[in-house]
Amino acid sequence: MTIKVALAGAGAFGIKHLDGIKNIDGVEVVSLISRDLAKTQEVADKYGIPHVTTKLEDSLAIKEVDAVILCTPTQMHASQSIACLEAGKHVQVEIPLCDILSEGQAVVNLQKQTGLVAMCGHTRRFNPSHQYVHKKIKAGEFNIQQMDVQTYFFRRTNMNALGQPRSWTDHLLWHHAAHTVDLFAYQAGSPIVKANAIQGPIHKDLGIAMDMSIQLQAANGAICTLSLSFNNDGPLGTFFRYIGDTATYIARYDDLVNGKEEKIDVSQVDVSMNGIELQDREFFAAIREGREPNASVAQVLPCYQVLHDLEQQLV
């Protein structure tokens, strides 16, 4: 059976999903949704997608659509996830699940009622570099003492990863911190019990803090220190240092080295080196197998509870 997919959001991240899905057998993107019809048509032509629209409901009305991938602005994630589940479609929503905790909880509640697959794009769970560390932890060969994480961008104007103007404002706490908060609890194998945050000045045009510092502690005693900035003029991206009882690992995107900067081969950890493709593979496998996926909305909800608690500290 071919899984037929509608993809919402033909921007930088939507294209990453389209590129990943090309490598997955038995999956076909049949509908593409985005705000600008001409640009959407251009992307659809390139990837051979037969249906384009500017409205999610048009795609949800297509009977043959089994599943939806949402790569839309953060503020739409929860309501669109609910619309997909109400239409009887499996859904994968890009990170973050929500930027208001109660909306994320509503998605989880509806998923439980419907029994459909609902997953959130917590890509770090799937990146081979982090999978390598996870397997060491699961085998009892490595335990995290501290994660030291830097999430750094240079973004003084409202642009996306392709350098195009954004229709919405990105957020250090609800988007970028979500990756690390979830990954820390997942890798520690222990829930977060303490969380502190401070933030720098609010940007006069964007209305958000451009710098933030977060401390976390898991129930098992492991700690995490996370520094985030939109002001950092290179190098860009997120850099993870795992300090453990038996080793130190540093993950930069899909590269992994030890504390002596010696490269670790992670090419055989999974069937691909592309975290987005691996995330999509898990989504489609969970649909086929009728099971809960890794990074299901229920599994990641505790991360958003922590973000909510941190937001209360920052008010």
C-alpha atoms as a PDB file:
ATOM      1  CA  MET A   1       0.000   0.000   0.000  1.00  0.00           C
ATOM      2  CA  THR A   2       1.327   3.430  -0.962  1.00  0.00           C
ATOM      3  CA  ILE A   3       0.965   6.032   1.792  1.00  0.00           C
ATOM      4  CA  LYS A   4      -0.368   9.219   0.197  1.00  0.00           C
ATOM      5  CA  VAL A   5       0.798  12.424   1.830  1.00  0.00           C
ATOM      6  CA  ALA A   6      -0.159  16.088   1.832  1.00  0.00           C
ATOM      7  CA  LEU A   7       2.639  18.474   2.797  1.00  0.00           C
ATOM      8  CA  ALA A   8       1.846  21.928   4.143  1.00  0.00           C
ATOM      9  CA  GLY A   9       4.586  24.553   3.874  1.00  0.00           C
ATOM     10  CA  ALA A  10       6.765  24.748   0.762  1.00  0.00           C
ATOM     11  CA  GLY A  11       9.522  26.750   2.477  1.00  0.00           C
ATOM     12  CA  ALA A  12      13.018  25.711   3.544  1.00  0.00           C
ATOM     13  CA  PHE A  13      11.875  22.894   5.820  1.00  0.00           C
ATOM     14  CA  GLY A  14       9.110  21.596   3.576  1.00  0.00           C
ATOM     15  CA  ILE A  15      11.706  21.108   0.841  1.00  0.00           C
ATOM     16  CA  LYS A  16      13.930  19.145   3.267  1.00  0.00           C
ATOM     17  CA  HIS A  17      11.007  16.758   3.818  1.00  0.00           C
ATOM     18  CA  LEU A  18      10.346  16.444   0.074  1.00  0.00           C
ATOM     19  CA  ASP A  19      14.020  15.586  -0.482  1.00  0.00           C
ATOM     20  CA  GLY A  20      13.903  12.974   2.303  1.00  0.00           C
ATOM     21  CA  ILE A  21      10.657  11.394   1.112  1.00  0.00           C
ATOM     22  CA  LYS A  22      12.165  10.862  -2.380  1.00  0.00           C
ATOM     23  CA  ASN A  23      14.342   8.151  -0.758  1.00  0.00           C
ATOM     24  CA  ILE A  24      11.474   6.312   0.963  1.00  0.00           C
ATOM     25  CA  ASP A  25       9.657   3.523  -0.902  1.00  0.00           C
ATOM     26  CA  GLY A  26       5.872   3.297  -0.833  1.00  0.00           C
ATOM     27  CA  VAL A  27       5.232   6.965  -0.069  1.00  0.00           C
ATOM     28  CA  GLU A  28       3.860   9.549  -2.491  1.00  0.00           C
ATOM     29  CA  VAL A  29       3.279  13.269  -1.918  1.00  0.00           C
ATOM     30  CA  VAL A  30      -0.012  14.007  -3.695  1.00  0.00           C
ATOM     31  CA  SER A  31      -0.830  17.504  -2.421  1.00  0.00           C
ATOM     32  CA  LEU A  32       1.219  20.592  -1.565  1.00  0.00           C
ATOM     33  CA  ILE A  33      -0.144  23.507   0.465  1.00  0.00           C
ATOM     34  CA  SER A  34       1.506  26.906   0.882  1.00  0.00           C
ATOM     35  CA  ARG A  35       0.533  30.598   0.973  1.00  0.00           C
ATOM     36  CA  ASP A  36       1.921  31.706  -2.386  1.00  0.00           C
ATOM     37  CA  LEU A  37       0.219  29.682  -5.118  1.00  0.00           C
ATOM     38  CA  ALA A  38       2.773  30.490  -7.857  1.00  0.00           C
ATOM     39  CA  LYS A  39       5.749  29.463  -5.680  1.00  0.00           C
ATOM     40  CA  THR A  40       3.867  26.374  -4.474  1.00  0.00           C
ATOM     41  CA  GLN A  41       3.175  25.353  -8.081  1.00  0.00           C
ATOM     42  CA  GLU A  42       6.865  25.784  -8.892  1.00  0.00           C
ATOM     43  CA  VAL A  43       7.895  23.426  -6.066  1.00  0.00           C
ATOM     44  CA  ALA A  44       5.110  20.973  -6.978  1.00  0.00           C
ATOM     45  CA  ASP A  45       6.283  20.877 -10.611  1.00  0.00           C
ATOM     46  CA  LYS A  46       9.840  20.164  -9.499  1.00  0.00           C
ATOM     47  CA  TYR A  47       8.779  17.248  -7.257  1.00  0.00           C
ATOM     48  CA  GLY A  48       5.943  15.913  -9.457  1.00  0.00           C
ATOM     49  CA  ILE A  49       3.137  16.713  -7.001  1.00  0.00           C
ATOM     50  CA  PRO A  50      -0.242  16.753  -8.792  1.00  0.00           C
ATOM     51  CA  HIS A  51      -2.332  18.970  -6.466  1.00  0.00           C
ATOM     52  CA  VAL A  52      -1.543  22.443  -5.116  1.00  0.00           C
ATOM     53  CA  THR A  53      -3.606  24.741  -2.925  1.00  0.00           C
ATOM     54  CA  THR A  54      -3.287  27.597  -0.450  1.00  0.00           C
ATOM     55  CA  LYS A  55      -5.749  26.011   2.002  1.00  0.00           C
ATOM     56  CA  LEU A  56      -5.095  23.014   4.260  1.00  0.00           C
ATOM     57  CA  GLU A  57      -8.797  22.120   4.253  1.00  0.00           C
ATOM     58  CA  ASP A  58      -8.652  21.523   0.466  1.00  0.00           C
ATOM     59  CA  SER A  59      -6.043  18.821   1.003  1.00  0.00           C
ATOM     60  CA  LEU A  60      -7.828  17.329   4.027  1.00  0.00           C
ATOM     61  CA  ALA A  61     -10.912  16.915   1.808  1.00  0.00           C
ATOM     62  CA  ILE A  62      -8.968  14.602  -0.553  1.00  0.00           C
ATOM     63  CA  LYS A  63     -10.129  11.109   0.412  1.00  0.00           C
ATOM     64  CA  GLU A  64      -6.949   9.343  -0.688  1.00  0.00           C
ATOM     65  CA  VAL A  65      -4.692  11.458   1.563  1.00  0.00           C
ATOM     66  CA  ASP A  66      -3.597   9.220   4.439  1.00  0.00           C
ATOM     67  CA  ALA A  67      -1.196  11.524   6.240  1.00  0.00           C
ATOM     68  CA  VAL A  68      -0.147  15.162   6.505  1.00  0.00           C
ATOM     69  CA  ILE A  69       3.239  16.717   7.262  1.00  0.00           C
ATOM     70  CA  LEU A  70       2.999  20.258   8.624  1.00  0.00           C
ATOM     71  CA  CYS A  71       5.938  22.640   8.006  1.00  0.00           C
ATOM     72  CA  THR A  72       3.964  25.782   8.689  1.00  0.00           C
ATOM     73  CA  PRO A  73       4.523  28.736  11.065  1.00  0.00           C
ATOM     74  CA  THR A  74       4.763  27.783  14.753  1.00  0.00           C
ATOM     75  CA  GLN A  75       1.529  29.537  15.711  1.00  0.00           C
ATOM     76  CA  MET A  76      -0.482  27.246  13.394  1.00  0.00           C
ATOM     77  CA  HIS A  77       1.009  23.913  14.493  1.00  0.00           C
ATOM     78  CA  ALA A  78      -1.448  22.840  17.180  1.00  0.00           C
ATOM     79  CA  SER A  79      -4.655  23.991  15.447  1.00  0.00           C
ATOM     80  CA  GLN A  80      -3.593  22.437  12.135  1.00  0.00           C
ATOM     81  CA  SER A  81      -2.614  19.165  13.865  1.00  0.00           C
ATOM     82  CA  ILE A  82      -6.097  19.062  15.389  1.00  0.00           C
ATOM     83  CA  ALA A  83      -7.678  19.737  11.968  1.00  0.00           C
ATOM     84  CA  CYS A  84      -5.721  16.814  10.463  1.00  0.00           C
ATOM     85  CA  LEU A  85      -6.722  14.399  13.243  1.00  0.00           C
ATOM     86  CA  GLU A  86     -10.362  15.518  13.035  1.00  0.00           C
ATOM     87  CA  ALA A  87     -10.230  14.772   9.288  1.00  0.00           C
ATOM     88  CA  GLY A  88      -9.005  11.232  10.056  1.00  0.00           C
ATOM     89  CA  LYS A  89      -5.448  11.843   8.806  1.00  0.00           C
ATOM     90  CA  HIS A  90      -2.213  10.811  10.506  1.00  0.00           C
ATOM     91  CA  VAL A  91      -0.066  13.872  11.184  1.00  0.00           C
ATOM     92  CA  GLN A  92       3.562  14.797  11.644  1.00  0.00           C
ATOM     93  CA  VAL A  93       4.025  18.395  12.753  1.00  0.00           C
ATOM     94  CA  GLU A  94       7.371  20.130  12.643  1.00  0.00           C
ATOM     95  CA  ILE A  95       8.899  21.299  15.901  1.00  0.00           C
ATOM     96  CA  PRO A  96       7.506  22.926  17.995  1.00  0.00           C
ATOM     97  CA  LEU A  97       4.226  21.166  18.702  1.00  0.00           C
ATOM     98  CA  CYS A  98       2.839  24.409  20.134  1.00  0.00           C
ATOM     99  CA  ASP A  99       3.785  27.733  21.691  1.00  0.00           C
ATOM    100  CA  ILE A 100       0.905  27.573  24.203  1.00  0.00           C
ATOM    101  CA  LEU A 101       0.959  24.495  26.451  1.00  0.00           C
ATOM    102  CA  SER A 102      -2.818  23.994  26.585  1.00  0.00           C
ATOM    103  CA  GLU A 103      -2.919  23.753  22.770  1.00  0.00           C
ATOM    104  CA  GLY A 104      -0.269  21.010  22.787  1.00  0.00           C
ATOM    105  CA  GLN A 105      -2.239  19.160  25.458  1.00  0.00           C
ATOM    106  CA  ALA A 106      -5.341  19.371  23.235  1.00  0.00           C
ATOM    107  CA  VAL A 107      -3.427  17.699  20.373  1.00  0.00           C
ATOM    108  CA  VAL A 108      -2.308  14.864  22.689  1.00  0.00           C
ATOM    109  CA  ASN A 109      -5.868  14.376  24.011  1.00  0.00           C
ATOM    110  CA  LEU A 110      -7.314  14.185  20.490  1.00  0.00           C
ATOM    111  CA  GLN A 111      -4.598  11.756  19.338  1.00  0.00           C
ATOM    112  CA  LYS A 112      -5.543   9.423  22.213  1.00  0.00           C
ATOM    113  CA  GLN A 113      -9.216   9.612  21.198  1.00  0.00           C
ATOM    114  CA  THR A 114      -8.577   8.916  17.504  1.00  0.00           C
ATOM    115  CA  GLY A 115      -5.729   6.395  17.805  1.00  0.00           C
ATOM    116  CA  LEU A 116      -4.118   7.985  14.731  1.00  0.00           C
ATOM    117  CA  VAL A 117      -0.352   8.488  14.500  1.00  0.00           C
ATOM    118  CA  ALA A 118       0.592  11.997  15.644  1.00  0.00           C
ATOM    119  CA  MET A 119       4.279  12.814  15.786  1.00  0.00           C
ATOM    120  CA  CYS A 120       6.370  15.940  16.279  1.00  0.00           C
ATOM    121  CA  GLY A 121       9.572  16.709  14.352  1.00  0.00           C
ATOM    122  CA  HIS A 122      12.087  16.421  17.186  1.00  0.00           C
ATOM    123  CA  THR A 123      14.845  15.696  14.678  1.00  0.00           C
ATOM    124  CA  ARG A 124      17.655  15.383  17.239  1.00  0.00           C
ATOM    125  CA  ARG A 125      16.200  12.041  18.366  1.00  0.00           C
ATOM    126  CA  PHE A 126      16.896  10.772  14.826  1.00  0.00           C
ATOM    127  CA  ASN A 127      20.215  12.396  13.846  1.00  0.00           C
ATOM    128  CA  PRO A 128      22.824   9.584  13.610  1.00  0.00           C
ATOM    129  CA  SER A 129      25.245  11.501  15.868  1.00  0.00           C
ATOM    130  CA  HIS A 130      22.702  11.582  18.701  1.00  0.00           C
ATOM    131  CA  GLN A 131      21.467   8.043  17.940  1.00  0.00           C
ATOM    132  CA  TYR A 132      25.054   6.818  18.409  1.00  0.00           C
ATOM    133  CA  VAL A 133      25.160   8.344  21.903  1.00  0.00           C
ATOM    134  CA  HIS A 134      21.640   7.038  22.667  1.00  0.00           C
ATOM    135  CA  LYS A 135      22.681   3.483  21.803  1.00  0.00           C
ATOM    136  CA  LYS A 136      25.696   3.766  24.136  1.00  0.00           C
ATOM    137  CA  ILE A 137      23.363   4.923  26.923  1.00  0.00           C
ATOM    138  CA  LYS A 138      20.833   2.134  26.247  1.00  0.00           C
ATOM    139  CA  ALA A 139      23.664  -0.428  26.340  1.00  0.00           C
ATOM    140  CA  GLY A 140      24.765   0.863  29.748  1.00  0.00           C
ATOM    141  CA  GLU A 141      28.144   2.008  28.382  1.00  0.00           C
ATOM    142  CA  PHE A 142      27.677   5.758  28.917  1.00  0.00           C
ATOM    143  CA  ASN A 143      25.761   7.955  31.345  1.00  0.00           C
ATOM    144  CA  ILE A 144      25.356  11.709  30.929  1.00  0.00           C
ATOM    145  CA  GLN A 145      26.714  13.873  33.710  1.00  0.00           C
ATOM    146  CA  GLN A 146      26.220  17.135  31.817  1.00  0.00           C
ATOM    147  CA  MET A 147      25.133  18.302  28.398  1.00  0.00           C
ATOM    148  CA  ASP A 148      26.569  21.656  27.356  1.00  0.00           C
ATOM    149  CA  VAL A 149      24.694  23.017  24.333  1.00  0.00           C
ATOM    150  CA  GLN A 150      25.072  26.147  22.206  1.00  0.00           C
ATOM    151  CA  THR A 151      22.325  27.120  19.744  1.00  0.00           C
ATOM    152  CA  TYR A 152      23.637  30.070  17.765  1.00  0.00           C
ATOM    153  CA  PHE A 153      22.303  32.043  14.801  1.00  0.00           C
ATOM    154  CA  PHE A 154      22.889  35.447  13.290  1.00  0.00           C
ATOM    155  CA  ARG A 155      19.387  36.729  12.656  1.00  0.00           C
ATOM    156  CA  ARG A 156      18.824  40.446  13.187  1.00  0.00           C
ATOM    157  CA  THR A 157      16.013  40.510  10.621  1.00  0.00           C
ATOM    158  CA  ASN A 158      13.085  38.152  10.065  1.00  0.00           C
ATOM    159  CA  MET A 159      14.548  35.744   7.475  1.00  0.00           C
ATOM    160  CA  ASN A 160      14.318  31.963   7.051  1.00  0.00           C
ATOM    161  CA  ALA A 161      17.059  29.383   6.441  1.00  0.00           C
ATOM    162  CA  LEU A 162      17.008  30.184   2.693  1.00  0.00           C
ATOM    163  CA  GLY A 163      17.461  33.928   3.338  1.00  0.00           C
ATOM    164  CA  GLN A 164      13.847  34.684   2.419  1.00  0.00           C
ATOM    165  CA  PRO A 165      11.543  36.989   4.455  1.00  0.00           C
ATOM    166  CA  ARG A 166       9.435  35.156   7.043  1.00  0.00           C
ATOM    167  CA  SER A 167       5.710  35.773   7.534  1.00  0.00           C
ATOM    168  CA  TRP A 168       6.098  34.984  11.249  1.00  0.00           C
ATOM    169  CA  THR A 169       8.681  35.450  14.001  1.00  0.00           C
ATOM    170  CA  ASP A 170      10.899  32.573  15.127  1.00  0.00           C
ATOM    171  CA  HIS A 171      11.427  32.050  18.862  1.00  0.00           C
ATOM    172  CA  LEU A 172      14.441  30.933  20.898  1.00  0.00           C
ATOM    173  CA  LEU A 173      12.391  29.371  23.720  1.00  0.00           C
ATOM    174  CA  TRP A 174       9.438  27.701  21.984  1.00  0.00           C
ATOM    175  CA  HIS A 175      11.349  26.550  18.895  1.00  0.00           C
ATOM    176  CA  HIS A 176      15.086  26.316  19.358  1.00  0.00           C
ATOM    177  CA  ALA A 177      15.187  25.406  23.053  1.00  0.00           C
ATOM    178  CA  ALA A 178      12.549  22.715  22.387  1.00  0.00           C
ATOM    179  CA  HIS A 179      15.139  20.618  20.515  1.00  0.00           C
ATOM    180  CA  THR A 180      17.544  20.520  23.460  1.00  0.00           C
ATOM    181  CA  VAL A 181      15.002  20.307  26.292  1.00  0.00           C
ATOM    182  CA  ASP A 182      13.464  17.213  24.675  1.00  0.00           C
ATOM    183  CA  LEU A 183      16.816  15.685  23.698  1.00  0.00           C
ATOM    184  CA  PHE A 184      18.230  16.102  27.211  1.00  0.00           C
ATOM    185  CA  ALA A 185      15.324  14.246  28.862  1.00  0.00           C
ATOM    186  CA  TYR A 186      15.386  11.589  26.089  1.00  0.00           C
ATOM    187  CA  GLN A 187      19.136  10.977  26.339  1.00  0.00           C
ATOM    188  CA  ALA A 188      19.218  11.138  30.149  1.00  0.00           C
ATOM    189  CA  GLY A 189      16.305   8.690  30.238  1.00  0.00           C
ATOM    190  CA  SER A 190      14.956  10.751  33.099  1.00  0.00           C
ATOM    191  CA  PRO A 191      12.357  13.537  33.400  1.00  0.00           C
ATOM    192  CA  ILE A 192      13.395  17.160  33.919  1.00  0.00           C
ATOM    193  CA  VAL A 193      12.702  18.218  37.508  1.00  0.00           C
ATOM    194  CA  LYS A 194      14.408  21.638  37.672  1.00  0.00           C
ATOM    195  CA  ALA A 195      14.563  24.363  35.034  1.00  0.00           C
ATOM    196  CA  ASN A 196      15.794  27.954  35.163  1.00  0.00           C
ATOM    197  CA  ALA A 197      15.997  30.621  32.453  1.00  0.00           C
ATOM    198  CA  ILE A 198      17.203  34.170  31.981  1.00  0.00           C
ATOM    199  CA  GLN A 199      16.995  36.253  28.813  1.00  0.00           C
ATOM    200  CA  GLY A 200      18.728  39.272  27.318  1.00  0.00           C
ATOM    201  CA  PRO A 201      17.175  42.497  26.005  1.00  0.00           C
ATOM    202  CA  ILE A 202      14.011  42.396  23.851  1.00  0.00           C
ATOM    203  CA  HIS A 203      14.706  43.365  20.204  1.00  0.00           C
ATOM    204  CA  LYS A 204      13.010  46.674  19.355  1.00  0.00           C
ATOM    205  CA  ASP A 205      11.624  45.461  15.995  1.00  0.00           C
ATOM    206  CA  LEU A 206      11.165  41.691  16.416  1.00  0.00           C
ATOM    207  CA  GLY A 207       9.740  41.895  19.942  1.00  0.00           C
ATOM    208  CA  ILE A 208      11.633  38.822  21.171  1.00  0.00           C
ATOM    209  CA  ALA A 209      14.706  38.203  23.303  1.00  0.00           C
ATOM    210  CA  MET A 210      17.735  37.589  21.089  1.00  0.00           C
ATOM    211  CA  ASP A 211      19.763  35.835  23.822  1.00  0.00           C
ATOM    212  CA  MET A 212      18.809  33.288  26.438  1.00  0.00           C
ATOM    213  CA  SER A 213      20.418  30.970  28.983  1.00  0.00           C
ATOM    214  CA  ILE A 214      18.703  27.836  30.334  1.00  0.00           C
ATOM    215  CA  GLN A 215      19.698  25.364  33.078  1.00  0.00           C
ATOM    216  CA  LEU A 216      18.054  21.960  33.424  1.00  0.00           C
ATOM    217  CA  GLN A 217      18.337  19.041  35.831  1.00  0.00           C
ATOM    218  CA  ALA A 218      16.926  15.550  35.335  1.00  0.00           C
ATOM    219  CA  ALA A 219      15.555  13.391  38.148  1.00  0.00           C
ATOM    220  CA  ASN A 220      18.652  11.173  37.905  1.00  0.00           C
ATOM    221  CA  GLY A 221      20.933  14.144  38.663  1.00  0.00           C
ATOM    222  CA  ALA A 222      22.222  14.848  35.132  1.00  0.00           C
ATOM    223  CA  ILE A 223      22.389  18.550  34.231  1.00  0.00           C
ATOM    224  CA  CYS A 224      22.182  20.565  31.028  1.00  0.00           C
ATOM    225  CA  THR A 225      23.406  24.080  30.271  1.00  0.00           C
ATOM    226  CA  LEU A 226      21.917  25.655  27.127  1.00  0.00           C
ATOM    227  CA  SER A 227      22.986  28.980  25.607  1.00  0.00           C
ATOM    228  CA  LEU A 228      20.895  30.428  22.750  1.00  0.00           C
ATOM    229  CA  SER A 229      21.485  33.501  20.586  1.00  0.00           C
ATOM    230  CA  PHE A 230      20.230  35.193  17.437  1.00  0.00           C
ATOM    231  CA  ASN A 231      23.144  37.652  17.769  1.00  0.00           C
ATOM    232  CA  ASN A 232      26.066  35.279  17.145  1.00  0.00           C
ATOM    233  CA  ASP A 233      28.038  36.083  13.978  1.00  0.00           C
ATOM    234  CA  GLY A 234      29.332  32.527  13.404  1.00  0.00           C
ATOM    235  CA  PRO A 235      29.799  29.645  13.564  1.00  0.00           C
ATOM    236  CA  LEU A 236      26.066  28.970  13.257  1.00  0.00           C
ATOM    237  CA  GLY A 237      23.987  26.001  14.345  1.00  0.00           C
ATOM    238  CA  THR A 238      23.689  23.890  17.471  1.00  0.00           C
ATOM    239  CA  PHE A 239      26.680  22.236  19.092  1.00  0.00           C
ATOM    240  CA  PHE A 240      26.199  19.562  21.726  1.00  0.00           C
ATOM    241  CA  ARG A 241      28.850  18.451  24.200  1.00  0.00           C
ATOM    242  CA  TYR A 242      27.947  15.267  26.065  1.00  0.00           C
ATOM    243  CA  ILE A 243      30.056  14.965  29.207  1.00  0.00           C
ATOM    244  CA  GLY A 244      29.628  11.483  30.654  1.00  0.00           C
ATOM    245  CA  ASP A 245      31.103   8.973  33.062  1.00  0.00           C
ATOM    246  CA  THR A 246      33.086   7.091  30.409  1.00  0.00           C
ATOM    247  CA  ALA A 247      33.584   9.545  27.519  1.00  0.00           C
ATOM    248  CA  THR A 248      32.970  12.991  26.079  1.00  0.00           C
ATOM    249  CA  TYR A 249      31.175  13.360  22.754  1.00  0.00           C
ATOM    250  CA  ILE A 250      30.688  16.508  20.669  1.00  0.00           C
ATOM    251  CA  ALA A 251      27.913  16.511  18.067  1.00  0.00           C
ATOM    252  CA  ARG A 252      27.820  19.142  15.321  1.00  0.00           C
ATOM    253  CA  TYR A 253      24.930  18.482  12.972  1.00  0.00           C
ATOM    254  CA  ASP A 254      25.566  14.897  11.828  1.00  0.00           C
ATOM    255  CA  ASP A 255      29.250  14.871  12.746  1.00  0.00           C
ATOM    256  CA  LEU A 256      30.387  13.311  16.007  1.00  0.00           C
ATOM    257  CA  VAL A 257      33.820  13.533  17.609  1.00  0.00           C
ATOM    258  CA  ASN A 258      35.195  12.587  21.017  1.00  0.00           C
ATOM    259  CA  GLY A 259      36.647  15.054  23.492  1.00  0.00           C
ATOM    260  CA  LYS A 260      39.998  14.865  21.695  1.00  0.00           C
ATOM    261  CA  GLU A 261      38.289  15.908  18.420  1.00  0.00           C
ATOM    262  CA  GLU A 262      38.806  12.406  16.963  1.00  0.00           C
ATOM    263  CA  LYS A 263      36.069  11.653  14.408  1.00  0.00           C
ATOM    264  CA  ILE A 264      33.570   8.889  15.191  1.00  0.00           C
ATOM    265  CA  ASP A 265      32.032   7.113  12.186  1.00  0.00           C
ATOM    266  CA  VAL A 266      28.238   7.317  12.478  1.00  0.00           C
ATOM    267  CA  SER A 267      27.528   6.376   8.842  1.00  0.00           C
ATOM    268  CA  GLN A 268      26.308   2.875   9.806  1.00  0.00           C
ATOM    269  CA  VAL A 269      24.108   3.926  12.720  1.00  0.00           C
ATOM    270  CA  ASP A 270      20.962   4.006  10.531  1.00  0.00           C
ATOM    271  CA  VAL A 271      19.901   3.621   6.894  1.00  0.00           C
ATOM    272  CA  SER A 272      20.573   7.300   6.125  1.00  0.00           C
ATOM    273  CA  MET A 273      22.653  10.203   7.434  1.00  0.00           C
ATOM    274  CA  ASN A 274      19.708  12.593   6.921  1.00  0.00           C
ATOM    275  CA  GLY A 275      17.848  13.200  10.205  1.00  0.00           C
ATOM    276  CA  ILE A 276      14.739  14.566   8.443  1.00  0.00           C
ATOM    277  CA  GLU A 277      14.528  11.462   6.228  1.00  0.00           C
ATOM    278  CA  LEU A 278      14.949   9.202   9.287  1.00  0.00           C
ATOM    279  CA  GLN A 279      12.225  11.136  11.090  1.00  0.00           C
ATOM    280  CA  ASP A 280       9.900  10.668   8.094  1.00  0.00           C
ATOM    281  CA  ARG A 281      10.782   6.967   7.878  1.00  0.00           C
ATOM    282  CA  GLU A 282       9.704   6.556  11.519  1.00  0.00           C
ATOM    283  CA  PHE A 283       6.417   8.367  10.841  1.00  0.00           C
ATOM    284  CA  PHE A 284       5.520   6.146   7.884  1.00  0.00           C
ATOM    285  CA  ALA A 285       6.704   2.957   9.650  1.00  0.00           C
ATOM    286  CA  ALA A 286       4.480   3.771  12.646  1.00  0.00           C
ATOM    287  CA  ILE A 287       1.493   4.231  10.293  1.00  0.00           C
ATOM    288  CA  ARG A 288       2.148   0.903   8.559  1.00  0.00           C
ATOM    289  CA  GLU A 289       2.756  -0.944  11.832  1.00  0.00           C
ATOM    290  CA  GLY A 290      -0.084   0.698  13.757  1.00  0.00           C
ATOM    291  CA  ARG A 291       2.171   1.750  16.638  1.00  0.00           C
ATOM    292  CA  GLU A 292       3.275   4.834  18.545  1.00  0.00           C
ATOM    293  CA  PRO A 293       6.231   6.535  16.845  1.00  0.00           C
ATOM    294  CA  ASN A 294       9.383   7.753  18.529  1.00  0.00           C
ATOM    295  CA  ALA A 295       8.724  11.491  19.209  1.00  0.00           C
ATOM    296  CA  SER A 296       4.954  10.990  19.364  1.00  0.00           C
ATOM    297  CA  VAL A 297       3.082  14.064  20.564  1.00  0.00           C
ATOM    298  CA  ALA A 298       2.497  12.298  23.903  1.00  0.00           C
ATOM    299  CA  GLN A 299       6.225  11.577  24.334  1.00  0.00           C
ATOM    300  CA  VAL A 300       7.298  15.166  23.635  1.00  0.00           C
ATOM    301  CA  LEU A 301       4.578  16.953  25.644  1.00  0.00           C
ATOM    302  CA  PRO A 302       6.713  17.034  28.855  1.00  0.00           C
ATOM    303  CA  CYS A 303       9.221  19.182  26.928  1.00  0.00           C
ATOM    304  CA  TYR A 304       6.514  21.789  26.327  1.00  0.00           C
ATOM    305  CA  GLN A 305       5.528  21.697  29.997  1.00  0.00           C
ATOM    306  CA  VAL A 306       9.145  22.676  30.803  1.00  0.00           C
ATOM    307  CA  LEU A 307       9.085  25.457  28.167  1.00  0.00           C
ATOM    308  CA  HIS A 308       5.804  26.723  29.648  1.00  0.00           C
ATOM    309  CA  ASP A 309       7.336  26.781  33.139  1.00  0.00           C
ATOM    310  CA  LEU A 310      10.399  28.625  31.822  1.00  0.00           C
ATOM    311  CA  GLU A 311       8.203  31.166  30.049  1.00  0.00           C
ATOM    312  CA  GLN A 312       6.501  31.950  33.367  1.00  0.00           C
ATOM    313  CA  GLN A 313       9.939  32.758  34.840  1.00  0.00           C
ATOM    314  CA  LEU A 314      10.718  35.120  31.934  1.00  0.00           C
ATOM    315  CA  VAL A 315       7.492  37.155  32.100  1.00  0.00           C
END
